[in-house]
Amino acid sequence: MVLLRHGATEWSQSGQYTGRTDIPLLDLGREQAGAAGELLRGMTFAQILTSPLQRASATCALAGFHGEPEPDLMEWDYGAYEGRTTAEICAQRPGWTLWNDGVVDGERAADVGRRVDRVIERARQVDGDTLCVAHGHVLRVLAARWLGLPPVAGRLFALATGTVSILGWDRDTPVVSQWNVGPAGTLLAQA
């Protein structure tokens, strides 16, 4: 399974939680999408799934692929925390973390985990690789679930905008084959 996080947006640059708000890519994000397409050139996919939100579907198209909208790849529903930063939330809720505490009027990690489990099952039913174009937190949870870890383990996988990751197998064991690969094959350390 190949994962592509959408390119940069205004809110990904500012650190605002962007769940269901449908904002466009920045010029940088469009460039990242094209560069990701170069990384994926030559790969063939049995299916291509994309979040229906424009930042993901545009990334998919700019990378050179036509994806099928998959609602289960929508970003975490941040509820009342949509558009806010971690610092803003922690000013009201000291010690808060998305992973442990969830959000008011939105999803918890377990909710996102149930959605990505359906995507994983769908990917495992086809003969060949699946490309999933989506968002940072949902893809981090997907990676955790691929490995059989609880959804909150997604906190361990930093994922920058416009990067490619590959989930694969070592014999019968699900593994992370590559993670957070950016333009020209560079590894990126932070989201």
N, C-alpha and C. Protein backbone atom coordinates (compact mmCIF):
# COMPACT_ATOMS: atom_id res chain seq x y z
N MET A 1 0.86 -1.17 0.00
CA MET A 1 0.00 0.00 0.00
C MET A 1 0.90 1.23 0.00
N VAL A 2 0.60 2.17 -0.87
CA VAL A 2 1.37 3.41 -0.97
C VAL A 2 0.51 4.56 -0.47
N LEU A 3 1.08 5.39 0.37
CA LEU A 3 0.37 6.53 0.95
C LEU A 3 0.97 7.81 0.42
N LEU A 4 0.12 8.75 0.05
CA LEU A 4 0.56 10.08 -0.38
C LEU A 4 -0.22 11.10 0.43
N ARG A 5 0.51 11.88 1.24
CA ARG A 5 -0.15 12.95 1.98
C ARG A 5 -0.29 14.15 1.03
N HIS A 6 -1.42 14.80 1.11
CA HIS A 6 -1.67 15.96 0.25
C HIS A 6 -0.59 17.03 0.44
N GLY A 7 -0.48 17.90 -0.55
CA GLY A 7 0.48 19.00 -0.49
C GLY A 7 0.06 20.08 0.51
N ALA A 8 0.94 21.03 0.68
CA ALA A 8 0.75 22.09 1.68
C ALA A 8 -0.47 22.95 1.40
N THR A 9 -1.13 23.34 2.49
CA THR A 9 -2.25 24.27 2.45
C THR A 9 -1.93 25.41 3.43
N GLU A 10 -2.73 26.44 3.39
CA GLU A 10 -2.54 27.55 4.33
C GLU A 10 -2.57 27.05 5.77
N TRP A 11 -3.52 26.19 6.08
CA TRP A 11 -3.64 25.73 7.46
C TRP A 11 -2.58 24.70 7.84
N SER A 12 -2.11 23.88 6.90
CA SER A 12 -1.03 22.96 7.27
C SER A 12 0.25 23.75 7.57
N GLN A 13 0.42 24.87 6.90
CA GLN A 13 1.58 25.73 7.15
C GLN A 13 1.47 26.45 8.50
N SER A 14 0.25 26.82 8.89
CA SER A 14 0.06 27.57 10.14
C SER A 14 -0.15 26.66 11.35
N GLY A 15 -0.29 25.36 11.13
CA GLY A 15 -0.49 24.43 12.23
C GLY A 15 -1.93 24.33 12.71
N GLN A 16 -2.87 24.82 11.92
CA GLN A 16 -4.28 24.74 12.29
C GLN A 16 -4.83 23.35 11.93
N TYR A 17 -5.63 22.81 12.81
CA TYR A 17 -6.27 21.53 12.54
C TYR A 17 -7.24 21.68 11.38
N THR A 18 -7.01 20.90 10.33
CA THR A 18 -7.82 20.98 9.12
C THR A 18 -8.44 19.62 8.88
N GLY A 19 -9.61 19.42 9.42
CA GLY A 19 -10.30 18.15 9.23
C GLY A 19 -11.18 18.19 8.01
N ARG A 20 -12.38 18.71 8.19
CA ARG A 20 -13.39 18.67 7.13
C ARG A 20 -13.49 19.98 6.37
N THR A 21 -12.77 21.03 6.79
CA THR A 21 -12.76 22.29 6.04
C THR A 21 -12.07 22.02 4.71
N ASP A 22 -12.74 22.34 3.63
CA ASP A 22 -12.25 21.96 2.30
C ASP A 22 -11.46 23.11 1.68
N ILE A 23 -10.19 23.23 2.08
CA ILE A 23 -9.36 24.33 1.59
C ILE A 23 -8.42 23.85 0.49
N PRO A 24 -8.04 24.75 -0.41
CA PRO A 24 -7.20 24.36 -1.56
C PRO A 24 -5.72 24.27 -1.20
N LEU A 25 -4.98 23.69 -2.11
CA LEU A 25 -3.53 23.64 -2.00
C LEU A 25 -2.94 25.02 -2.24
N LEU A 26 -1.82 25.30 -1.58
CA LEU A 26 -1.00 26.46 -1.91
C LEU A 26 -0.19 26.13 -3.17
N ASP A 27 0.47 27.12 -3.75
CA ASP A 27 1.36 26.84 -4.88
C ASP A 27 2.42 25.82 -4.46
N LEU A 28 2.94 25.95 -3.23
CA LEU A 28 3.91 24.97 -2.72
C LEU A 28 3.30 23.58 -2.72
N GLY A 29 2.05 23.46 -2.30
CA GLY A 29 1.37 22.17 -2.28
C GLY A 29 1.21 21.57 -3.66
N ARG A 30 0.95 22.42 -4.64
CA ARG A 30 0.84 21.95 -6.02
C ARG A 30 2.20 21.44 -6.51
N GLU A 31 3.26 22.15 -6.14
CA GLU A 31 4.61 21.71 -6.51
C GLU A 31 4.93 20.37 -5.83
N GLN A 32 4.57 20.25 -4.55
CA GLN A 32 4.82 19.00 -3.83
C GLN A 32 4.08 17.83 -4.48
N ALA A 33 2.85 18.07 -4.92
CA ALA A 33 2.07 17.02 -5.57
C ALA A 33 2.75 16.54 -6.85
N GLY A 34 3.24 17.50 -7.64
CA GLY A 34 3.96 17.13 -8.86
C GLY A 34 5.23 16.35 -8.56
N ALA A 35 5.95 16.77 -7.53
CA ALA A 35 7.18 16.07 -7.15
C ALA A 35 6.86 14.65 -6.65
N ALA A 36 5.76 14.50 -5.93
CA ALA A 36 5.36 13.17 -5.47
C ALA A 36 5.03 12.28 -6.66
N GLY A 37 4.41 12.87 -7.67
CA GLY A 37 4.12 12.12 -8.89
C GLY A 37 5.39 11.59 -9.54
N GLU A 38 6.45 12.40 -9.49
CA GLU A 38 7.75 11.94 -10.02
C GLU A 38 8.27 10.75 -9.23
N LEU A 39 8.11 10.79 -7.89
CA LEU A 39 8.55 9.67 -7.06
C LEU A 39 7.78 8.39 -7.39
N LEU A 40 6.52 8.55 -7.77
CA LEU A 40 5.65 7.40 -8.03
C LEU A 40 5.65 6.96 -9.49
N ARG A 41 6.34 7.73 -10.33
CA ARG A 41 6.36 7.41 -11.76
C ARG A 41 6.85 5.98 -11.96
N GLY A 42 6.15 5.27 -12.81
CA GLY A 42 6.52 3.90 -13.12
C GLY A 42 5.80 2.87 -12.26
N MET A 43 5.21 3.31 -11.15
CA MET A 43 4.47 2.37 -10.32
C MET A 43 3.07 2.17 -10.91
N THR A 44 2.56 0.97 -10.79
CA THR A 44 1.19 0.71 -11.21
C THR A 44 0.36 0.34 -9.99
N PHE A 45 -0.89 0.71 -10.03
CA PHE A 45 -1.76 0.48 -8.88
C PHE A 45 -3.02 -0.25 -9.31
N ALA A 46 -3.42 -1.21 -8.50
CA ALA A 46 -4.65 -1.95 -8.73
C ALA A 46 -5.85 -1.06 -8.44
N GLN A 47 -5.69 -0.16 -7.48
CA GLN A 47 -6.73 0.82 -7.18
C GLN A 47 -6.10 2.06 -6.60
N ILE A 48 -6.76 3.18 -6.85
CA ILE A 48 -6.30 4.47 -6.35
C ILE A 48 -7.48 5.09 -5.61
N LEU A 49 -7.29 5.30 -4.31
CA LEU A 49 -8.34 5.85 -3.46
C LEU A 49 -7.90 7.21 -2.95
N THR A 50 -8.82 8.16 -2.92
CA THR A 50 -8.48 9.48 -2.43
C THR A 50 -9.59 10.01 -1.53
N SER A 51 -9.17 10.77 -0.54
CA SER A 51 -10.15 11.51 0.24
C SER A 51 -10.91 12.41 -0.74
N PRO A 52 -12.21 12.59 -0.52
CA PRO A 52 -12.96 13.47 -1.43
C PRO A 52 -12.67 14.96 -1.24
N LEU A 53 -11.93 15.33 -0.21
CA LEU A 53 -11.62 16.75 0.00
C LEU A 53 -10.64 17.24 -1.07
N GLN A 54 -10.80 18.50 -1.51
CA GLN A 54 -10.06 18.99 -2.66
C GLN A 54 -8.55 18.98 -2.49
N ARG A 55 -8.04 19.16 -1.29
CA ARG A 55 -6.59 19.17 -1.14
C ARG A 55 -5.99 17.79 -1.44
N ALA A 56 -6.73 16.74 -1.17
CA ALA A 56 -6.27 15.38 -1.49
C ALA A 56 -6.55 15.03 -2.95
N SER A 57 -7.76 15.31 -3.41
CA SER A 57 -8.08 14.95 -4.80
C SER A 57 -7.23 15.75 -5.79
N ALA A 58 -6.93 17.01 -5.48
CA ALA A 58 -6.05 17.80 -6.35
C ALA A 58 -4.63 17.25 -6.32
N THR A 59 -4.16 16.85 -5.15
CA THR A 59 -2.82 16.25 -5.06
C THR A 59 -2.76 14.99 -5.91
N CYS A 60 -3.79 14.18 -5.83
CA CYS A 60 -3.84 12.95 -6.63
C CYS A 60 -3.74 13.28 -8.13
N ALA A 61 -4.54 14.22 -8.58
CA ALA A 61 -4.54 14.59 -10.00
C ALA A 61 -3.22 15.21 -10.43
N LEU A 62 -2.67 16.09 -9.61
CA LEU A 62 -1.40 16.75 -9.94
C LEU A 62 -0.22 15.77 -9.94
N ALA A 63 -0.37 14.68 -9.17
CA ALA A 63 0.65 13.63 -9.16
C ALA A 63 0.52 12.72 -10.38
N GLY A 64 -0.57 12.91 -11.14
CA GLY A 64 -0.74 12.16 -12.38
C GLY A 64 -1.67 10.97 -12.28
N PHE A 65 -2.53 10.95 -11.26
CA PHE A 65 -3.42 9.81 -11.05
C PHE A 65 -4.87 10.25 -10.99
N HIS A 66 -5.74 9.31 -11.31
CA HIS A 66 -7.18 9.54 -11.17
C HIS A 66 -7.66 8.64 -10.04
N GLY A 67 -8.08 9.25 -8.94
CA GLY A 67 -8.48 8.48 -7.78
C GLY A 67 -9.98 8.36 -7.62
N GLU A 68 -10.38 7.28 -7.00
CA GLU A 68 -11.78 7.07 -6.63
C GLU A 68 -12.01 7.68 -5.25
N PRO A 69 -12.99 8.55 -5.09
CA PRO A 69 -13.26 9.13 -3.77
C PRO A 69 -13.60 8.05 -2.75
N GLU A 70 -12.93 8.11 -1.61
CA GLU A 70 -13.16 7.15 -0.52
C GLU A 70 -13.40 7.94 0.76
N PRO A 71 -14.66 8.05 1.19
CA PRO A 71 -14.99 8.83 2.39
C PRO A 71 -14.24 8.38 3.65
N ASP A 72 -13.87 7.11 3.74
CA ASP A 72 -13.14 6.64 4.92
C ASP A 72 -11.73 7.23 5.00
N LEU A 73 -11.24 7.86 3.92
CA LEU A 73 -9.94 8.51 3.95
C LEU A 73 -10.03 10.01 4.29
N MET A 74 -11.23 10.48 4.63
CA MET A 74 -11.36 11.88 5.07
C MET A 74 -10.51 12.06 6.33
N GLU A 75 -10.04 13.27 6.52
CA GLU A 75 -9.23 13.56 7.71
C GLU A 75 -10.07 13.42 8.97
N TRP A 76 -9.39 13.27 10.07
CA TRP A 76 -9.97 13.21 11.41
C TRP A 76 -10.98 14.36 11.53
N ASP A 77 -12.14 14.07 12.07
CA ASP A 77 -13.13 15.12 12.32
C ASP A 77 -12.74 15.79 13.63
N TYR A 78 -12.21 17.02 13.53
CA TYR A 78 -11.70 17.73 14.71
C TYR A 78 -12.79 18.48 15.47
N GLY A 79 -14.03 18.39 15.02
CA GLY A 79 -15.15 18.98 15.75
C GLY A 79 -14.92 20.44 16.10
N ALA A 80 -15.07 20.76 17.38
CA ALA A 80 -14.94 22.14 17.86
C ALA A 80 -13.52 22.67 17.74
N TYR A 81 -12.56 21.80 17.47
CA TYR A 81 -11.16 22.23 17.38
C TYR A 81 -10.72 22.51 15.95
N GLU A 82 -11.64 22.37 15.01
CA GLU A 82 -11.35 22.66 13.60
C GLU A 82 -10.85 24.10 13.47
N GLY A 83 -9.73 24.27 12.78
CA GLY A 83 -9.18 25.59 12.53
C GLY A 83 -8.34 26.16 13.66
N ARG A 84 -8.26 25.45 14.75
CA ARG A 84 -7.47 25.92 15.90
C ARG A 84 -6.11 25.25 15.91
N THR A 85 -5.16 25.83 16.64
CA THR A 85 -3.83 25.24 16.79
C THR A 85 -3.74 24.52 18.13
N THR A 86 -2.74 23.68 18.27
CA THR A 86 -2.53 22.97 19.54
C THR A 86 -2.33 23.97 20.66
N ALA A 87 -1.56 25.03 20.42
CA ALA A 87 -1.31 26.04 21.46
C ALA A 87 -2.61 26.68 21.93
N GLU A 88 -3.51 26.98 21.00
CA GLU A 88 -4.79 27.59 21.36
C GLU A 88 -5.63 26.64 22.22
N ILE A 89 -5.63 25.37 21.84
CA ILE A 89 -6.41 24.39 22.59
C ILE A 89 -5.81 24.18 23.98
N CYS A 90 -4.48 24.07 24.04
CA CYS A 90 -3.81 23.84 25.33
C CYS A 90 -3.95 25.03 26.28
N ALA A 91 -4.18 26.22 25.75
CA ALA A 91 -4.40 27.38 26.62
C ALA A 91 -5.68 27.19 27.44
N GLN A 92 -6.65 26.46 26.88
CA GLN A 92 -7.89 26.17 27.59
C GLN A 92 -7.88 24.81 28.26
N ARG A 93 -7.11 23.88 27.71
CA ARG A 93 -7.03 22.51 28.23
C ARG A 93 -5.56 22.11 28.37
N PRO A 94 -4.88 22.58 29.42
CA PRO A 94 -3.46 22.26 29.59
C PRO A 94 -3.21 20.74 29.53
N GLY A 95 -2.17 20.38 28.80
CA GLY A 95 -1.78 18.99 28.68
C GLY A 95 -2.55 18.21 27.63
N TRP A 96 -3.46 18.88 26.93
CA TRP A 96 -4.27 18.20 25.93
C TRP A 96 -3.42 17.65 24.80
N THR A 97 -3.77 16.45 24.34
CA THR A 97 -3.22 15.92 23.09
C THR A 97 -4.36 15.33 22.27
N LEU A 98 -4.27 15.48 20.99
CA LEU A 98 -5.26 14.91 20.09
C LEU A 98 -5.36 13.41 20.29
N TRP A 99 -4.20 12.77 20.38
CA TRP A 99 -4.15 11.32 20.42
C TRP A 99 -4.81 10.74 21.66
N ASN A 100 -4.57 11.34 22.80
CA ASN A 100 -5.10 10.79 24.04
C ASN A 100 -6.48 11.32 24.41
N ASP A 101 -6.75 12.57 24.06
CA ASP A 101 -7.96 13.22 24.56
C ASP A 101 -9.06 13.39 23.51
N GLY A 102 -8.72 13.22 22.23
CA GLY A 102 -9.72 13.43 21.20
C GLY A 102 -10.14 14.89 21.14
N VAL A 103 -11.31 15.13 20.60
CA VAL A 103 -11.80 16.49 20.42
C VAL A 103 -13.24 16.60 20.87
N VAL A 104 -13.66 17.80 21.17
CA VAL A 104 -15.05 18.07 21.51
C VAL A 104 -15.88 18.04 20.23
N ASP A 105 -16.96 17.27 20.24
CA ASP A 105 -17.88 17.18 19.10
C ASP A 105 -17.23 16.63 17.84
N GLY A 106 -16.22 15.79 17.99
CA GLY A 106 -15.56 15.20 16.83
C GLY A 106 -15.19 13.75 17.11
N GLU A 107 -14.17 13.26 16.40
CA GLU A 107 -13.75 11.87 16.52
C GLU A 107 -12.64 11.67 17.54
N ARG A 108 -12.56 10.46 18.01
CA ARG A 108 -11.43 10.00 18.81
C ARG A 108 -10.58 9.10 17.90
N ALA A 109 -9.39 8.77 18.35
CA ALA A 109 -8.50 7.93 17.54
C ALA A 109 -9.16 6.61 17.16
N ALA A 110 -9.92 6.02 18.07
CA ALA A 110 -10.58 4.74 17.78
C ALA A 110 -11.58 4.87 16.63
N ASP A 111 -12.25 6.02 16.54
CA ASP A 111 -13.20 6.25 15.44
C ASP A 111 -12.46 6.26 14.10
N VAL A 112 -11.35 6.96 14.06
CA VAL A 112 -10.54 7.03 12.84
C VAL A 112 -10.00 5.64 12.52
N GLY A 113 -9.60 4.91 13.56
CA GLY A 113 -9.10 3.55 13.37
C GLY A 113 -10.11 2.63 12.70
N ARG A 114 -11.37 2.72 13.09
CA ARG A 114 -12.40 1.91 12.46
C ARG A 114 -12.53 2.24 10.97
N ARG A 115 -12.41 3.52 10.63
CA ARG A 115 -12.51 3.90 9.21
C ARG A 115 -11.34 3.35 8.40
N VAL A 116 -10.13 3.51 8.93
CA VAL A 116 -8.97 3.05 8.15
C VAL A 116 -8.88 1.53 8.10
N ASP A 117 -9.44 0.85 9.09
CA ASP A 117 -9.48 -0.61 9.02
C ASP A 117 -10.26 -1.06 7.78
N ARG A 118 -11.33 -0.34 7.44
CA ARG A 118 -12.10 -0.67 6.23
C ARG A 118 -11.27 -0.43 4.97
N VAL A 119 -10.47 0.65 4.98
CA VAL A 119 -9.60 0.93 3.82
C VAL A 119 -8.54 -0.17 3.67
N ILE A 120 -7.96 -0.58 4.78
CA ILE A 120 -6.95 -1.64 4.74
C ILE A 120 -7.56 -2.93 4.21
N GLU A 121 -8.74 -3.27 4.70
CA GLU A 121 -9.40 -4.49 4.23
C GLU A 121 -9.67 -4.40 2.73
N ARG A 122 -10.09 -3.27 2.27
CA ARG A 122 -10.34 -3.07 0.84
C ARG A 122 -9.05 -3.24 0.04
N ALA A 123 -7.95 -2.68 0.54
CA ALA A 123 -6.66 -2.79 -0.15
C ALA A 123 -6.17 -4.24 -0.19
N ARG A 124 -6.41 -4.97 0.86
CA ARG A 124 -5.93 -6.36 0.91
C ARG A 124 -6.76 -7.29 0.04
N GLN A 125 -7.89 -6.83 -0.45
CA GLN A 125 -8.75 -7.66 -1.29
C GLN A 125 -8.41 -7.57 -2.77
N VAL A 126 -7.54 -6.62 -3.15
CA VAL A 126 -7.18 -6.51 -4.57
C VAL A 126 -5.82 -7.13 -4.81
N ASP A 127 -5.61 -7.55 -6.03
CA ASP A 127 -4.33 -8.12 -6.44
C ASP A 127 -3.47 -6.97 -6.97
N GLY A 128 -2.55 -6.50 -6.16
CA GLY A 128 -1.69 -5.38 -6.54
C GLY A 128 -1.74 -4.30 -5.49
N ASP A 129 -0.99 -3.25 -5.74
CA ASP A 129 -0.87 -2.15 -4.78
C ASP A 129 -2.04 -1.19 -4.84
N THR A 130 -2.32 -0.60 -3.71
CA THR A 130 -3.32 0.46 -3.60
C THR A 130 -2.59 1.75 -3.26
N LEU A 131 -2.93 2.83 -3.96
CA LEU A 131 -2.45 4.17 -3.63
C LEU A 131 -3.56 4.88 -2.86
N CYS A 132 -3.24 5.39 -1.68
CA CYS A 132 -4.19 6.16 -0.88
C CYS A 132 -3.67 7.59 -0.77
N VAL A 133 -4.44 8.54 -1.26
CA VAL A 133 -4.07 9.95 -1.19
C VAL A 133 -4.99 10.60 -0.16
N ALA A 134 -4.40 11.09 0.92
CA ALA A 134 -5.24 11.59 2.01
C ALA A 134 -4.47 12.60 2.86
N HIS A 135 -4.71 12.58 4.14
CA HIS A 135 -4.30 13.62 5.09
C HIS A 135 -3.38 13.05 6.16
N GLY A 136 -2.68 13.96 6.83
CA GLY A 136 -1.66 13.56 7.79
C GLY A 136 -2.12 12.63 8.90
N HIS A 137 -3.12 13.04 9.67
CA HIS A 137 -3.50 12.22 10.81
C HIS A 137 -4.16 10.90 10.40
N VAL A 138 -5.04 10.94 9.41
CA VAL A 138 -5.69 9.69 9.00
C VAL A 138 -4.67 8.70 8.43
N LEU A 139 -3.66 9.18 7.71
CA LEU A 139 -2.64 8.28 7.18
C LEU A 139 -1.73 7.75 8.28
N ARG A 140 -1.50 8.55 9.30
CA ARG A 140 -0.70 8.07 10.44
C ARG A 140 -1.44 6.96 11.18
N VAL A 141 -2.75 7.12 11.35
CA VAL A 141 -3.55 6.06 11.98
C VAL A 141 -3.58 4.83 11.08
N LEU A 142 -3.69 5.03 9.77
CA LEU A 142 -3.68 3.91 8.84
C LEU A 142 -2.38 3.12 8.97
N ALA A 143 -1.26 3.79 9.08
CA ALA A 143 0.03 3.10 9.23
C ALA A 143 0.06 2.29 10.52
N ALA A 144 -0.43 2.86 11.59
CA ALA A 144 -0.46 2.14 12.86
C ALA A 144 -1.33 0.89 12.76
N ARG A 145 -2.49 1.03 12.15
CA ARG A 145 -3.40 -0.11 12.02
C ARG A 145 -2.84 -1.16 11.07
N TRP A 146 -2.14 -0.74 10.01
CA TRP A 146 -1.51 -1.69 9.10
C TRP A 146 -0.57 -2.61 9.87
N LEU A 147 0.13 -2.02 10.84
CA LEU A 147 1.10 -2.77 11.64
C LEU A 147 0.45 -3.55 12.79
N GLY A 148 -0.87 -3.39 12.95
CA GLY A 148 -1.56 -4.08 14.04
C GLY A 148 -1.49 -3.34 15.36
N LEU A 149 -1.08 -2.08 15.32
CA LEU A 149 -0.97 -1.25 16.52
C LEU A 149 -2.30 -0.55 16.79
N PRO A 150 -2.52 -0.09 18.01
CA PRO A 150 -3.74 0.68 18.28
C PRO A 150 -3.70 2.01 17.53
N PRO A 151 -4.86 2.58 17.23
CA PRO A 151 -4.91 3.84 16.46
C PRO A 151 -4.06 4.96 17.07
N VAL A 152 -3.98 5.05 18.40
CA VAL A 152 -3.19 6.13 19.03
C VAL A 152 -1.70 6.01 18.72
N ALA A 153 -1.25 4.86 18.26
CA ALA A 153 0.17 4.71 17.88
C ALA A 153 0.50 5.53 16.65
N GLY A 154 -0.50 6.05 15.96
CA GLY A 154 -0.24 6.95 14.85
C GLY A 154 0.58 8.16 15.27
N ARG A 155 0.55 8.49 16.54
CA ARG A 155 1.34 9.63 17.05
C ARG A 155 2.83 9.42 16.84
N LEU A 156 3.26 8.20 16.60
CA LEU A 156 4.68 7.87 16.44
C LEU A 156 5.20 8.10 15.02
N PHE A 157 4.32 8.44 14.09
CA PHE A 157 4.69 8.53 12.68
C PHE A 157 4.54 9.97 12.16
N ALA A 158 5.59 10.76 12.25
CA ALA A 158 5.55 12.11 11.68
C ALA A 158 5.39 12.00 10.17
N LEU A 159 4.61 12.90 9.59
CA LEU A 159 4.33 12.81 8.15
C LEU A 159 4.19 14.21 7.58
N ALA A 160 5.14 14.60 6.73
CA ALA A 160 5.16 15.93 6.13
C ALA A 160 4.22 15.99 4.92
N THR A 161 3.82 17.20 4.56
CA THR A 161 2.96 17.38 3.38
C THR A 161 3.70 16.97 2.11
N GLY A 162 2.95 16.40 1.19
CA GLY A 162 3.49 16.04 -0.12
C GLY A 162 4.45 14.87 -0.12
N THR A 163 4.40 14.05 0.92
CA THR A 163 5.36 12.94 1.00
C THR A 163 4.71 11.60 0.68
N VAL A 164 5.57 10.66 0.32
CA VAL A 164 5.16 9.31 -0.04
C VAL A 164 5.68 8.34 1.01
N SER A 165 4.84 7.37 1.36
CA SER A 165 5.22 6.30 2.28
C SER A 165 4.72 4.99 1.70
N ILE A 166 5.44 3.92 2.03
CA ILE A 166 5.07 2.60 1.50
C ILE A 166 4.93 1.63 2.66
N LEU A 167 3.78 0.99 2.71
CA LEU A 167 3.51 -0.07 3.68
C LEU A 167 3.56 -1.38 2.91
N GLY A 168 4.30 -2.33 3.44
CA GLY A 168 4.46 -3.58 2.71
C GLY A 168 4.48 -4.77 3.64
N TRP A 169 5.20 -5.79 3.20
CA TRP A 169 5.25 -7.06 3.92
C TRP A 169 6.68 -7.55 4.03
N ASP A 170 7.01 -8.18 5.14
CA ASP A 170 8.21 -8.98 5.30
C ASP A 170 7.71 -10.38 5.59
N ARG A 171 7.68 -11.18 4.55
CA ARG A 171 7.00 -12.47 4.57
C ARG A 171 5.54 -12.25 4.93
N ASP A 172 5.09 -12.70 6.08
CA ASP A 172 3.68 -12.55 6.46
C ASP A 172 3.45 -11.41 7.44
N THR A 173 4.48 -10.60 7.68
CA THR A 173 4.37 -9.53 8.67
C THR A 173 4.23 -8.17 7.99
N PRO A 174 3.17 -7.42 8.31
CA PRO A 174 3.05 -6.06 7.76
C PRO A 174 4.18 -5.17 8.30
N VAL A 175 4.78 -4.38 7.42
CA VAL A 175 5.90 -3.51 7.80
C VAL A 175 5.77 -2.14 7.13
N VAL A 176 6.55 -1.20 7.63
CA VAL A 176 6.74 0.08 6.96
C VAL A 176 8.00 -0.08 6.11
N SER A 177 7.84 -0.03 4.80
CA SER A 177 8.98 -0.20 3.89
C SER A 177 9.72 1.11 3.67
N GLN A 178 8.96 2.22 3.54
CA GLN A 178 9.53 3.56 3.41
C GLN A 178 8.56 4.51 4.08
N TRP A 179 9.12 5.59 4.66
CA TRP A 179 8.25 6.53 5.35
C TRP A 179 8.70 7.96 5.11
N ASN A 180 7.74 8.83 4.79
CA ASN A 180 7.96 10.28 4.76
C ASN A 180 9.02 10.69 3.74
N VAL A 181 8.93 10.11 2.55
CA VAL A 181 9.91 10.40 1.49
C VAL A 181 9.41 11.60 0.68
N GLY A 182 10.26 12.61 0.57
CA GLY A 182 9.91 13.83 -0.14
C GLY A 182 10.57 13.91 -1.50
N PRO A 183 10.59 15.12 -2.07
CA PRO A 183 11.15 15.33 -3.40
C PRO A 183 12.58 14.81 -3.52
N ALA A 184 12.86 14.26 -4.69
CA ALA A 184 14.18 13.70 -5.01
C ALA A 184 14.57 12.62 -4.03
N GLY A 185 13.57 11.95 -3.41
CA GLY A 185 13.85 10.84 -2.53
C GLY A 185 14.40 11.23 -1.17
N THR A 186 14.30 12.51 -0.81
CA THR A 186 14.83 12.94 0.49
C THR A 186 13.89 12.53 1.60
N LEU A 187 14.45 12.09 2.69
CA LEU A 187 13.66 11.75 3.86
C LEU A 187 13.43 13.02 4.67
N LEU A 188 12.21 13.21 5.11
CA LEU A 188 11.86 14.40 5.87
C LEU A 188 11.56 13.99 7.30
N ALA A 189 12.14 14.70 8.24
CA ALA A 189 12.04 14.30 9.63
C ALA A 189 10.78 14.82 10.32
N GLN A 190 10.20 15.92 9.87
CA GLN A 190 9.10 16.49 10.62
C GLN A 190 7.92 16.81 9.71
N ALA A 191 6.74 16.79 10.33
CA ALA A 191 5.52 17.12 9.60
C ALA A 191 5.38 18.61 9.47
